[in-house]
């Protein structure tokens, strides 16, 4: 019993660490839930137009190709016109620029986004 009293601070630190981890997990989950709800508030046509706007408008989208379930390759006429912050708001996890191609990484749903954008390809 004397060992328990002797090392009370270790139990205290472990307990505190567990509480901190739980609080961080709750904050992260609340953040992702809020982001998802924000996306659902936007109706489908607004969501579609936000994607078009984020890529510089209809005249800027030259082609869209599905690379994988979570990646799209978008060919743009002018690379300067795309809006990276707006893409992030739409759920894009990352972008890579190469020549006139913009590779977009999503959680999933690349086929859905490709279907939305294909309607707006000019040329």
N, C-alpha and C. Protein backbone atom coordinates (compact mmCIF):
# COMPACT_ATOMS: atom_id res chain seq x y z
N UNK A 1 0.81 -1.19 0.00
CA UNK A 1 0.00 0.00 0.00
C UNK A 1 0.86 1.26 0.00
N UNK A 2 2.05 1.17 0.55
CA UNK A 2 2.91 2.34 0.61
C UNK A 2 3.39 2.75 -0.79
N UNK A 3 3.55 1.77 -1.74
CA UNK A 3 3.93 2.09 -3.11
C UNK A 3 2.86 2.92 -3.80
N UNK A 4 1.60 2.64 -3.51
CA UNK A 4 0.50 3.39 -4.11
C UNK A 4 0.56 4.85 -3.67
N UNK A 5 0.80 5.09 -2.42
CA UNK A 5 0.90 6.46 -1.92
C UNK A 5 2.17 7.15 -2.40
N UNK A 6 3.20 6.36 -2.60
CA UNK A 6 4.50 6.89 -3.00
C UNK A 6 4.48 7.40 -4.45
N UNK A 7 3.72 6.74 -5.31
CA UNK A 7 3.71 7.06 -6.74
C UNK A 7 2.38 7.66 -7.19
N UNK A 8 1.70 8.37 -6.34
CA UNK A 8 0.41 8.96 -6.66
C UNK A 8 0.51 9.92 -7.85
N UNK A 9 1.62 10.60 -7.98
CA UNK A 9 1.79 11.59 -9.05
C UNK A 9 1.79 10.93 -10.43
N UNK A 10 2.26 9.68 -10.51
CA UNK A 10 2.24 8.98 -11.80
C UNK A 10 0.79 8.72 -12.21
N UNK A 11 -0.04 8.28 -11.29
CA UNK A 11 -1.45 8.05 -11.58
C UNK A 11 -2.13 9.37 -11.97
N UNK A 12 -1.76 10.43 -11.30
CA UNK A 12 -2.32 11.74 -11.60
C UNK A 12 -1.96 12.17 -13.03
N UNK A 13 -0.71 12.01 -13.41
CA UNK A 13 -0.24 12.41 -14.74
C UNK A 13 -0.92 11.57 -15.82
N UNK A 14 -1.01 10.25 -15.60
CA UNK A 14 -1.67 9.37 -16.57
C UNK A 14 -3.14 9.77 -16.72
N UNK A 15 -3.81 10.01 -15.62
CA UNK A 15 -5.21 10.43 -15.67
C UNK A 15 -5.38 11.75 -16.40
N UNK A 16 -4.52 12.69 -16.13
CA UNK A 16 -4.56 13.99 -16.80
C UNK A 16 -4.32 13.84 -18.30
N UNK A 17 -3.38 12.99 -18.68
CA UNK A 17 -3.09 12.75 -20.10
C UNK A 17 -4.32 12.15 -20.80
N UNK A 18 -5.00 11.23 -20.15
CA UNK A 18 -6.20 10.63 -20.74
C UNK A 18 -7.29 11.68 -20.93
N UNK A 19 -7.47 12.53 -19.96
CA UNK A 19 -8.47 13.61 -20.07
C UNK A 19 -8.13 14.54 -21.22
N UNK A 20 -6.88 14.90 -21.35
CA UNK A 20 -6.45 15.79 -22.44
C UNK A 20 -6.69 15.14 -23.80
N UNK A 21 -6.38 13.87 -23.94
CA UNK A 21 -6.60 13.15 -25.20
C UNK A 21 -8.08 13.12 -25.55
N UNK A 22 -8.93 12.85 -24.58
CA UNK A 22 -10.38 12.81 -24.82
C UNK A 22 -10.89 14.20 -25.25
N UNK A 23 -10.43 15.25 -24.60
CA UNK A 23 -10.86 16.60 -24.96
C UNK A 23 -10.43 16.94 -26.39
N UNK A 24 -9.21 16.61 -26.75
CA UNK A 24 -8.73 16.88 -28.12
C UNK A 24 -9.56 16.10 -29.13
N UNK A 25 -9.86 14.84 -28.85
CA UNK A 25 -10.67 14.03 -29.76
C UNK A 25 -12.06 14.63 -29.95
N UNK A 26 -12.67 15.11 -28.88
CA UNK A 26 -14.00 15.72 -28.97
C UNK A 26 -13.94 17.00 -29.82
N UNK A 27 -12.91 17.79 -29.64
CA UNK A 27 -12.76 19.02 -30.43
C UNK A 27 -12.60 18.70 -31.91
N UNK A 28 -11.77 17.73 -32.23
CA UNK A 28 -11.55 17.34 -33.63
C UNK A 28 -12.84 16.82 -34.25
N UNK A 29 -13.56 15.95 -33.55
CA UNK A 29 -14.82 15.43 -34.08
C UNK A 29 -15.85 16.54 -34.28
N UNK A 30 -15.93 17.47 -33.36
CA UNK A 30 -16.86 18.58 -33.51
C UNK A 30 -16.51 19.43 -34.72
N UNK A 31 -15.23 19.63 -34.96
CA UNK A 31 -14.77 20.40 -36.12
C UNK A 31 -15.20 19.73 -37.43
N UNK A 32 -14.97 18.43 -37.55
CA UNK A 32 -15.33 17.71 -38.77
C UNK A 32 -16.85 17.65 -38.95
N UNK A 33 -17.58 17.49 -37.86
CA UNK A 33 -19.04 17.46 -37.95
C UNK A 33 -19.56 18.81 -38.43
N UNK A 34 -19.00 19.91 -37.92
CA UNK A 34 -19.40 21.25 -38.33
C UNK A 34 -19.11 21.47 -39.81
N UNK A 35 -17.95 21.01 -40.26
CA UNK A 35 -17.56 21.16 -41.66
C UNK A 35 -18.54 20.40 -42.57
N UNK A 36 -18.92 19.19 -42.15
CA UNK A 36 -19.83 18.36 -42.93
C UNK A 36 -21.21 19.01 -42.99
N UNK A 37 -21.70 19.53 -41.85
CA UNK A 37 -23.00 20.20 -41.82
C UNK A 37 -22.99 21.44 -42.70
N UNK A 38 -21.89 22.16 -42.70
CA UNK A 38 -21.76 23.36 -43.52
C UNK A 38 -21.90 23.01 -44.99
N UNK A 39 -21.29 21.88 -45.40
CA UNK A 39 -21.37 21.43 -46.77
C UNK A 39 -22.78 21.00 -47.14
N UNK A 40 -23.51 20.38 -46.20
CA UNK A 40 -24.85 19.90 -46.47
C UNK A 40 -25.86 21.04 -46.58
N UNK A 41 -25.58 22.19 -45.96
CA UNK A 41 -26.47 23.33 -46.03
C UNK A 41 -26.57 23.85 -47.45
N UNK A 42 -25.48 23.77 -48.18
CA UNK A 42 -25.43 24.24 -49.55
C UNK A 42 -26.22 23.26 -50.43
N UNK A 43 -27.18 23.75 -51.23
CA UNK A 43 -27.91 22.82 -52.10
C UNK A 43 -27.01 22.40 -53.26
N UNK A 44 -27.46 21.41 -54.01
CA UNK A 44 -26.59 20.80 -55.02
C UNK A 44 -26.15 21.78 -56.10
N UNK A 45 -27.04 22.65 -56.54
CA UNK A 45 -26.65 23.58 -57.61
C UNK A 45 -25.64 24.61 -57.10
N UNK A 46 -25.80 25.05 -55.85
CA UNK A 46 -24.82 25.97 -55.27
C UNK A 46 -23.47 25.28 -55.10
N UNK A 47 -23.51 24.02 -54.68
CA UNK A 47 -22.29 23.22 -54.49
C UNK A 47 -21.57 23.07 -55.83
N UNK A 48 -22.34 22.76 -56.86
CA UNK A 48 -21.77 22.61 -58.20
C UNK A 48 -21.14 23.91 -58.68
N UNK A 49 -21.84 25.02 -58.52
CA UNK A 49 -21.32 26.31 -58.96
C UNK A 49 -20.11 26.74 -58.12
N UNK A 50 -20.08 26.35 -56.86
CA UNK A 50 -18.92 26.67 -56.02
C UNK A 50 -17.68 25.95 -56.57
N UNK A 51 -17.84 24.71 -57.00
CA UNK A 51 -16.72 23.96 -57.59
C UNK A 51 -16.25 24.64 -58.88
N UNK A 52 -17.20 25.03 -59.70
CA UNK A 52 -16.85 25.70 -60.97
C UNK A 52 -16.12 27.00 -60.68
N UNK A 53 -16.65 27.78 -59.74
CA UNK A 53 -16.01 29.04 -59.35
C UNK A 53 -14.61 28.80 -58.79
N UNK A 54 -14.45 27.77 -57.96
CA UNK A 54 -13.15 27.47 -57.35
C UNK A 54 -12.10 27.11 -58.39
N UNK A 55 -12.55 26.60 -59.52
CA UNK A 55 -11.62 26.23 -60.59
C UNK A 55 -11.46 27.32 -61.65
N UNK A 56 -11.98 28.50 -61.37
CA UNK A 56 -11.76 29.64 -62.26
C UNK A 56 -12.87 29.89 -63.26
N UNK A 57 -14.01 29.24 -63.10
CA UNK A 57 -15.14 29.46 -64.01
C UNK A 57 -15.20 28.45 -65.14
N UNK A 58 -16.36 28.41 -65.81
CA UNK A 58 -16.58 27.42 -66.87
C UNK A 58 -15.53 27.50 -67.98
N UNK A 59 -15.16 28.71 -68.36
CA UNK A 59 -14.22 28.88 -69.47
C UNK A 59 -12.82 28.40 -69.11
N UNK A 60 -12.55 28.23 -67.83
CA UNK A 60 -11.21 27.81 -67.41
C UNK A 60 -11.07 26.29 -67.31
N UNK A 61 -12.18 25.56 -67.27
CA UNK A 61 -12.14 24.11 -67.11
C UNK A 61 -12.07 23.46 -68.49
N UNK A 62 -10.95 22.83 -68.76
CA UNK A 62 -10.71 22.23 -70.07
C UNK A 62 -11.02 20.73 -70.08
N UNK A 63 -10.81 20.06 -68.94
CA UNK A 63 -11.06 18.63 -68.87
C UNK A 63 -10.98 18.13 -67.44
N UNK A 64 -11.64 16.99 -67.19
CA UNK A 64 -11.64 16.38 -65.86
C UNK A 64 -11.44 14.88 -66.02
N UNK A 65 -10.54 14.33 -65.22
CA UNK A 65 -10.23 12.90 -65.29
C UNK A 65 -10.19 12.33 -63.88
N UNK A 66 -10.84 11.19 -63.68
CA UNK A 66 -10.79 10.52 -62.38
C UNK A 66 -9.49 9.72 -62.33
N UNK A 67 -8.66 10.00 -61.34
CA UNK A 67 -7.40 9.28 -61.16
C UNK A 67 -7.61 8.09 -60.22
N UNK A 68 -8.38 8.32 -59.16
CA UNK A 68 -8.74 7.26 -58.21
C UNK A 68 -10.01 7.69 -57.49
N UNK A 69 -10.44 6.91 -56.52
CA UNK A 69 -11.65 7.24 -55.78
C UNK A 69 -11.53 8.57 -55.05
N UNK A 70 -10.30 8.96 -54.76
CA UNK A 70 -10.10 10.19 -54.00
C UNK A 70 -9.28 11.25 -54.75
N UNK A 71 -9.01 11.03 -56.03
CA UNK A 71 -8.21 12.01 -56.78
C UNK A 71 -8.82 12.33 -58.13
N UNK A 72 -8.77 13.61 -58.46
CA UNK A 72 -9.20 14.10 -59.77
C UNK A 72 -8.05 14.86 -60.40
N UNK A 73 -7.99 14.79 -61.70
CA UNK A 73 -7.03 15.61 -62.44
C UNK A 73 -7.84 16.55 -63.32
N UNK A 74 -7.70 17.85 -63.08
CA UNK A 74 -8.45 18.85 -63.81
C UNK A 74 -7.48 19.63 -64.69
N UNK A 75 -7.77 19.68 -65.99
CA UNK A 75 -6.96 20.47 -66.91
C UNK A 75 -7.58 21.85 -66.99
N UNK A 76 -6.77 22.85 -66.72
CA UNK A 76 -7.24 24.23 -66.70
C UNK A 76 -6.56 25.05 -67.79
N UNK A 77 -7.26 26.04 -68.31
CA UNK A 77 -6.67 26.95 -69.29
C UNK A 77 -5.69 27.92 -68.62
N UNK A 78 -6.07 28.43 -67.45
CA UNK A 78 -5.24 29.40 -66.75
C UNK A 78 -5.09 28.96 -65.29
N UNK A 79 -3.89 28.57 -64.91
CA UNK A 79 -3.64 28.04 -63.56
C UNK A 79 -3.78 29.11 -62.47
N UNK A 80 -3.68 30.37 -62.84
CA UNK A 80 -3.75 31.44 -61.86
C UNK A 80 -5.18 31.65 -61.35
N UNK A 81 -6.16 31.23 -62.12
CA UNK A 81 -7.56 31.51 -61.79
C UNK A 81 -8.17 30.60 -60.74
N UNK A 82 -7.55 29.48 -60.41
CA UNK A 82 -8.19 28.60 -59.43
C UNK A 82 -8.04 29.16 -58.03
N UNK A 83 -9.02 28.85 -57.16
CA UNK A 83 -9.11 29.43 -55.81
C UNK A 83 -8.86 28.33 -54.77
N UNK A 84 -7.62 28.23 -54.30
CA UNK A 84 -7.25 27.17 -53.36
C UNK A 84 -8.03 27.25 -52.04
N UNK A 85 -8.23 28.45 -51.44
CA UNK A 85 -9.02 28.50 -50.20
C UNK A 85 -10.46 28.00 -50.39
N UNK A 86 -11.08 28.33 -51.51
CA UNK A 86 -12.44 27.86 -51.76
C UNK A 86 -12.45 26.34 -51.96
N UNK A 87 -11.44 25.80 -52.62
CA UNK A 87 -11.35 24.34 -52.76
C UNK A 87 -11.24 23.68 -51.39
N UNK A 88 -10.48 24.28 -50.50
CA UNK A 88 -10.37 23.74 -49.14
C UNK A 88 -11.71 23.75 -48.43
N UNK A 89 -12.48 24.82 -48.60
CA UNK A 89 -13.82 24.90 -48.00
C UNK A 89 -14.74 23.81 -48.56
N UNK A 90 -14.50 23.41 -49.80
CA UNK A 90 -15.33 22.38 -50.44
C UNK A 90 -14.87 20.97 -50.07
N UNK A 91 -13.85 20.86 -49.23
CA UNK A 91 -13.43 19.54 -48.75
C UNK A 91 -12.18 18.99 -49.39
N UNK A 92 -11.50 19.79 -50.21
CA UNK A 92 -10.27 19.33 -50.85
C UNK A 92 -9.16 19.22 -49.81
N UNK A 93 -8.49 18.08 -49.79
CA UNK A 93 -7.42 17.84 -48.81
C UNK A 93 -6.06 18.31 -49.30
N UNK A 94 -5.91 18.38 -50.61
CA UNK A 94 -4.62 18.83 -51.16
C UNK A 94 -4.70 19.04 -52.65
N UNK A 95 -3.77 19.83 -53.18
CA UNK A 95 -3.70 20.08 -54.62
C UNK A 95 -2.24 20.02 -55.06
N UNK A 96 -2.04 19.58 -56.30
CA UNK A 96 -0.71 19.55 -56.90
C UNK A 96 -0.83 20.14 -58.30
N UNK A 97 -0.01 21.13 -58.59
CA UNK A 97 0.01 21.76 -59.90
C UNK A 97 1.13 21.17 -60.75
N UNK A 98 0.80 20.82 -61.96
CA UNK A 98 1.81 20.34 -62.89
C UNK A 98 1.37 20.75 -64.29
N UNK A 99 2.14 21.62 -64.92
CA UNK A 99 1.80 22.16 -66.22
C UNK A 99 0.42 22.81 -66.12
N UNK A 100 -0.53 22.40 -66.94
CA UNK A 100 -1.89 22.94 -66.88
C UNK A 100 -2.84 21.98 -66.19
N UNK A 101 -2.28 21.05 -65.41
CA UNK A 101 -3.11 20.06 -64.72
C UNK A 101 -3.06 20.28 -63.22
N UNK A 102 -4.22 20.25 -62.62
CA UNK A 102 -4.36 20.40 -61.18
C UNK A 102 -4.88 19.08 -60.64
N UNK A 103 -4.07 18.41 -59.83
CA UNK A 103 -4.50 17.17 -59.20
C UNK A 103 -5.11 17.54 -57.85
N UNK A 104 -6.36 17.09 -57.65
CA UNK A 104 -7.12 17.42 -56.44
C UNK A 104 -7.30 16.15 -55.63
N UNK A 105 -6.94 16.20 -54.34
CA UNK A 105 -7.11 15.07 -53.44
C UNK A 105 -8.29 15.33 -52.51
N UNK A 106 -9.22 14.37 -52.48
CA UNK A 106 -10.42 14.44 -51.64
C UNK A 106 -10.40 13.27 -50.67
N UNK A 107 -11.35 13.27 -49.72
CA UNK A 107 -11.52 12.08 -48.87
C UNK A 107 -12.02 10.92 -49.73
N UNK A 108 -13.02 11.18 -50.53
CA UNK A 108 -13.61 10.22 -51.47
C UNK A 108 -14.59 10.99 -52.34
N UNK A 109 -15.23 10.30 -53.26
CA UNK A 109 -16.26 10.95 -54.08
C UNK A 109 -15.75 11.66 -55.31
N UNK A 110 -14.59 11.28 -55.81
CA UNK A 110 -14.05 11.93 -57.00
C UNK A 110 -14.99 11.78 -58.19
N UNK A 111 -15.66 10.63 -58.31
CA UNK A 111 -16.58 10.41 -59.42
C UNK A 111 -17.76 11.39 -59.38
N UNK A 112 -18.25 11.69 -58.18
CA UNK A 112 -19.36 12.64 -58.04
C UNK A 112 -18.94 14.04 -58.49
N UNK A 113 -17.76 14.45 -58.09
CA UNK A 113 -17.26 15.78 -58.46
C UNK A 113 -16.98 15.82 -59.97
N UNK A 114 -16.44 14.75 -60.50
CA UNK A 114 -16.17 14.68 -61.94
C UNK A 114 -17.47 14.83 -62.72
N UNK A 115 -18.54 14.19 -62.25
CA UNK A 115 -19.84 14.27 -62.91
C UNK A 115 -20.36 15.72 -62.88
N UNK A 116 -20.19 16.40 -61.74
CA UNK A 116 -20.62 17.80 -61.63
C UNK A 116 -19.84 18.69 -62.60
N UNK A 117 -18.52 18.50 -62.62
CA UNK A 117 -17.66 19.38 -63.43
C UNK A 117 -17.76 19.10 -64.93
N UNK A 118 -18.05 17.86 -65.30
CA UNK A 118 -18.12 17.50 -66.72
C UNK A 118 -19.18 18.29 -67.46
N UNK A 119 -20.23 18.70 -66.76
CA UNK A 119 -21.29 19.50 -67.37
C UNK A 119 -20.80 20.88 -67.78
N UNK A 120 -19.68 21.30 -67.21
CA UNK A 120 -19.21 22.67 -67.41
C UNK A 120 -17.96 22.78 -68.26
N UNK A 121 -17.56 21.70 -68.90
CA UNK A 121 -16.37 21.73 -69.74
C UNK A 121 -16.70 22.45 -71.05
N UNK A 122 -15.92 23.46 -71.35
CA UNK A 122 -16.10 24.23 -72.58
C UNK A 122 -14.91 23.96 -73.50
N UNK A 123 -15.22 23.53 -74.70
CA UNK A 123 -14.15 23.33 -75.66
C UNK A 123 -13.89 21.92 -75.80
